[in-house]
C-alpha atoms as a PDB file:
ATOM      1  CA  MET A   1       0.000   0.000   0.000  1.00  0.00           C
ATOM      2  CA  THR A   2       2.755   2.441   0.936  1.00  0.00           C
ATOM      3  CA  ARG A   3       4.692   1.966  -2.304  1.00  0.00           C
ATOM      4  CA  LEU A   4       1.581   2.402  -4.409  1.00  0.00           C
ATOM      5  CA  PHE A   5       0.563   5.467  -2.393  1.00  0.00           C
ATOM      6  CA  LEU A   6       3.982   7.079  -2.875  1.00  0.00           C
ATOM      7  CA  LEU A   7       3.979   6.328  -6.580  1.00  0.00           C
ATOM      8  CA  ILE A   8       0.550   7.858  -7.050  1.00  0.00           C
ATOM      9  CA  PHE A   9       1.439  10.805  -4.810  1.00  0.00           C
ATOM     10  CA  SER A  10       4.452  11.608  -6.983  1.00  0.00           C
ATOM     11  CA  ILE A  11       1.980  12.385  -9.750  1.00  0.00           C
ATOM     12  CA  THR A  12      -1.077  13.756  -7.945  1.00  0.00           C
ATOM     13  CA  GLY A  13       0.861  15.806  -5.392  1.00  0.00           C
ATOM     14  CA  VAL A  14       2.735  17.762  -8.023  1.00  0.00           C
ATOM     15  CA  THR A  15      -0.381  18.175 -10.137  1.00  0.00           C
ATOM     16  CA  CYS A  16      -2.507  19.452  -7.260  1.00  0.00           C
ATOM     17  CA  ALA A  17       0.280  21.771  -6.061  1.00  0.00           C
ATOM     18  CA  GLY A  18       0.543  23.191  -9.582  1.00  0.00           C
ATOM     19  CA  ILE A  19      -3.204  23.736  -9.669  1.00  0.00           C
ATOM     20  CA  GLY A  20      -2.890  25.585  -6.358  1.00  0.00           C
ATOM     21  CA  VAL A  21      -0.208  27.867  -7.794  1.00  0.00           C
ATOM     22  CA  VAL A  22      -2.354  28.586 -10.852  1.00  0.00           C
ATOM     23  CA  ILE A  23      -5.303  29.448  -8.585  1.00  0.00           C
ATOM     24  CA  ALA A  24      -3.112  31.795  -6.531  1.00  0.00           C
ATOM     25  CA  LEU A  25      -1.870  33.595  -9.620  1.00  0.00           C
ATOM     26  CA  THR A  26      -5.344  33.762 -11.166  1.00  0.00           C
ATOM     27  CA  ILE A  27      -6.838  35.517  -8.152  1.00  0.00           C
ATOM     28  CA  GLY A  28      -3.988  38.023  -8.117  1.00  0.00           C
ATOM     29  CA  GLN A  29      -1.867  36.762  -5.223  1.00  0.00           C
ATOM     30  CA  ASP A  30       1.537  37.092  -6.834  1.00  0.00           C
ATOM     31  CA  THR A  31       3.866  37.257  -3.849  1.00  0.00           C
ATOM     32  CA  LEU A  32       5.822  34.339  -2.425  1.00  0.00           C
ATOM     33  CA  GLN A  33       3.867  33.577   0.743  1.00  0.00           C
ATOM     34  CA  PRO A  34       0.390  33.133  -0.806  1.00  0.00           C
ATOM     35  CA  ILE A  35       1.834  31.060  -3.640  1.00  0.00           C
ATOM     36  CA  LEU A  36       3.572  28.745  -1.164  1.00  0.00           C
ATOM     37  CA  ILE A  37       0.400  28.459   0.929  1.00  0.00           C
ATOM     38  CA  TRP A  38      -1.671  27.536  -2.141  1.00  0.00           C
ATOM     39  CA  ALA A  39       0.973  25.034  -3.271  1.00  0.00           C
ATOM     40  CA  ALA A  40       1.062  23.437   0.188  1.00  0.00           C
ATOM     41  CA  SER A  41      -2.740  23.193   0.285  1.00  0.00           C
ATOM     42  CA  GLY A  42      -2.672  21.598  -3.143  1.00  0.00           C
ATOM     43  CA  SER A  43      -0.168  19.056  -1.875  1.00  0.00           C
ATOM     44  CA  LEU A  44      -2.468  18.225   1.037  1.00  0.00           C
ATOM     45  CA  VAL A  45      -5.290  17.636  -1.414  1.00  0.00           C
ATOM     46  CA  GLY A  46      -2.879  15.459  -3.387  1.00  0.00           C
ATOM     47  CA  ILE A  47      -2.152  13.375  -0.284  1.00  0.00           C
ATOM     48  CA  ALA A  48      -5.847  12.752   0.292  1.00  0.00           C
ATOM     49  CA  ALA A  49      -6.471  11.972  -3.370  1.00  0.00           C
ATOM     50  CA  SER A  50      -3.499   9.597  -3.522  1.00  0.00           C
ATOM     51  CA  TRP A  51      -4.694   7.720  -0.460  1.00  0.00           C
ATOM     52  CA  VAL A  52      -8.191   7.284  -1.923  1.00  0.00           C
ATOM     53  CA  ILE A  53      -6.868   6.213  -5.328  1.00  0.00           C
ATOM     54  CA  ALA A  54      -4.391   3.719  -3.817  1.00  0.00           C
ATOM     55  CA  ARG A  55      -7.113   2.245  -1.588  1.00  0.00           C
ATOM     56  CA  LYS A  56      -9.491   1.851  -4.549  1.00  0.00           C
ATOM     57  CA  LEU A  57      -6.789   0.166  -6.642  1.00  0.00           C
ATOM     58  CA  ILE A  58      -5.914  -2.289  -3.884  1.00  0.00           C
ATOM     59  CA  ASP A  59      -9.583  -3.133  -3.257  1.00  0.00           C
ATOM     60  CA  ALA A  60     -10.239  -3.743  -6.941  1.00  0.00           C
END
């Protein structure tokens, strides 16, 4: 489970963090701190999504 989770997180974590950065820039927050906060929140979403995806793949 852990290996699969980490493999999936390497894709979804980066993707969700990138989406967070795009959201930050779209709403006009173009300084370092808001961009890092949005990227970190995107990574947290990526952790949750990776866990769900890995669990579904193992159960299938």
